[in-house]
C-alpha atoms as a PDB file:
ATOM      1  CA  UNK A   1      15.777   3.921  -5.724  1.00  0.00           C
ATOM      2  CA  UNK A   2      13.512   2.701  -3.012  1.00  0.00           C
ATOM      3  CA  UNK A   3       9.936   3.409  -2.390  1.00  0.00           C
ATOM      4  CA  UNK A   4       8.157   2.578   0.989  1.00  0.00           C
ATOM      5  CA  UNK A   5       4.662   1.486   0.613  1.00  0.00           C
ATOM      6  CA  UNK A   6       2.228   1.338   3.730  1.00  0.00           C
ATOM      7  CA  UNK A   7      -0.538  -1.045   3.924  1.00  0.00           C
ATOM      8  CA  UNK A   8      -2.968  -0.407   6.752  1.00  0.00           C
ATOM      9  CA  UNK A   9      -5.969  -2.375   7.708  1.00  0.00           C
ATOM     10  CA  UNK A  10      -9.261  -0.437   7.971  1.00  0.00           C
ATOM     11  CA  UNK A  11     -11.252  -2.530  10.265  1.00  0.00           C
ATOM     12  CA  UNK A  12     -14.508  -0.499   9.845  1.00  0.00           C
ATOM     13  CA  UNK A  13     -14.404  -0.848   6.057  1.00  0.00           C
ATOM     14  CA  UNK A  14     -12.936  -4.267   5.971  1.00  0.00           C
ATOM     15  CA  UNK A  15     -10.206  -3.281   3.508  1.00  0.00           C
ATOM     16  CA  UNK A  16      -6.410  -2.991   3.244  1.00  0.00           C
ATOM     17  CA  UNK A  17      -5.388   0.555   2.043  1.00  0.00           C
ATOM     18  CA  UNK A  18      -2.058   1.236   0.325  1.00  0.00           C
ATOM     19  CA  UNK A  19      -0.350   4.674   0.664  1.00  0.00           C
ATOM     20  CA  UNK A  20       3.046   6.056   0.272  1.00  0.00           C
ATOM     21  CA  UNK A  21       4.859   9.376   1.066  1.00  0.00           C
ATOM     22  CA  UNK A  22       7.306   8.380  -1.574  1.00  0.00           C
ATOM     23  CA  UNK A  23       4.612   7.848  -4.507  1.00  0.00           C
ATOM     24  CA  UNK A  24       2.450  10.895  -4.847  1.00  0.00           C
ATOM     25  CA  UNK A  25      -1.177   9.827  -5.614  1.00  0.00           C
ATOM     26  CA  UNK A  26      -0.903   6.228  -4.426  1.00  0.00           C
ATOM     27  CA  UNK A  27      -4.152   5.408  -2.592  1.00  0.00           C
ATOM     28  CA  UNK A  28      -5.453   1.962  -3.399  1.00  0.00           C
ATOM     29  CA  UNK A  29      -7.828  -0.385  -1.352  1.00  0.00           C
ATOM     30  CA  UNK A  30      -8.763  -4.066  -1.422  1.00  0.00           C
ATOM     31  CA  UNK A  31     -10.237  -6.666   0.825  1.00  0.00           C
ATOM     32  CA  UNK A  32      -7.409  -8.949   0.089  1.00  0.00           C
ATOM     33  CA  UNK A  33      -3.791  -8.310   1.047  1.00  0.00           C
ATOM     34  CA  UNK A  34      -2.364 -10.287  -1.821  1.00  0.00           C
ATOM     35  CA  UNK A  35      -4.649  -8.577  -4.387  1.00  0.00           C
ATOM     36  CA  UNK A  36      -3.707  -5.212  -3.086  1.00  0.00           C
ATOM     37  CA  UNK A  37       0.052  -6.162  -3.328  1.00  0.00           C
ATOM     38  CA  UNK A  38      -0.407  -7.072  -6.898  1.00  0.00           C
ATOM     39  CA  UNK A  39      -2.372  -3.927  -7.788  1.00  0.00           C
ATOM     40  CA  UNK A  40       0.256  -1.759  -6.087  1.00  0.00           C
ATOM     41  CA  UNK A  41       3.061  -3.271  -8.104  1.00  0.00           C
ATOM     42  CA  UNK A  42       1.413  -2.292 -11.455  1.00  0.00           C
ATOM     43  CA  UNK A  43       0.097   1.108 -10.277  1.00  0.00           C
ATOM     44  CA  UNK A  44       3.525   2.497  -8.998  1.00  0.00           C
ATOM     45  CA  UNK A  45       5.199   2.573 -12.333  1.00  0.00           C
ATOM     46  CA  UNK A  46       2.314   4.533 -13.876  1.00  0.00           C
ATOM     47  CA  UNK A  47       2.089   6.973 -11.002  1.00  0.00           C
ATOM     48  CA  UNK A  48       5.877   7.592 -11.271  1.00  0.00           C
ATOM     49  CA  UNK A  49       5.392   8.363 -14.958  1.00  0.00           C
ATOM     50  CA  UNK A  50       2.511  10.552 -14.321  1.00  0.00           C
ATOM     51  CA  UNK A  51       4.611  12.436 -11.609  1.00  0.00           C
ATOM     52  CA  UNK A  52       7.417  12.928 -14.004  1.00  0.00           C
ATOM     53  CA  UNK A  53       9.852  10.944 -11.927  1.00  0.00           C
ATOM     54  CA  UNK A  54      12.811   9.501 -13.398  1.00  0.00           C
ATOM     55  CA  UNK A  55      12.084   5.839 -14.279  1.00  0.00           C
ATOM     56  CA  UNK A  56      14.961   3.547 -13.270  1.00  0.00           C
ATOM     57  CA  UNK A  57      15.194   0.208 -11.617  1.00  0.00           C
ATOM     58  CA  UNK A  58      13.615   0.612  -8.139  1.00  0.00           C
ATOM     59  CA  UNK A  59      12.674  -1.387  -5.005  1.00  0.00           C
ATOM     60  CA  UNK A  60       9.468  -1.582  -3.125  1.00  0.00           C
ATOM     61  CA  UNK A  61       9.534  -1.847   0.622  1.00  0.00           C
ATOM     62  CA  UNK A  62       6.097  -3.011   1.782  1.00  0.00           C
ATOM     63  CA  UNK A  63       5.188  -2.274   5.486  1.00  0.00           C
ATOM     64  CA  UNK A  64       1.926  -3.605   6.932  1.00  0.00           C
ATOM     65  CA  UNK A  65       0.032  -2.669  10.032  1.00  0.00           C
ATOM     66  CA  UNK A  66      -3.094  -4.121  11.473  1.00  0.00           C
ATOM     67  CA  UNK A  67      -4.469  -3.570  14.968  1.00  0.00           C
ATOM     68  CA  UNK A  68      -7.231  -5.627  16.451  1.00  0.00           C
ATOM     69  CA  UNK A  69      -8.888  -5.356  19.941  1.00  0.00           C
ATOM     70  CA  UNK A  70      -9.465  -8.631  21.762  1.00  0.00           C
ATOM     71  CA  UNK A  71     -11.975  -8.771  24.596  1.00  0.00           C
ATOM     72  CA  UNK A  72     -11.567 -11.708  26.687  1.00  0.00           C
ATOM     73  CA  UNK A  73     -14.649 -12.771  28.827  1.00  0.00           C
ATOM     74  CA  UNK A  74     -12.998 -15.537  30.754  1.00  0.00           C
END
């Protein structure tokens, strides 16, 4: 089983946000990408149990997206 986890940067709040269409209830945030990655690894098995999903070996696919606007005053 594979679960896709989306990491999106919220520039206004200054945090990364983790969500997933595959893991109901997953919404985590952190100012550190690495810290969020670690938190997500531990939260997903717990959420799968809470959602009565069949627990078996699974893979996590992390996708990150960050947009920045650059203004050049050259």
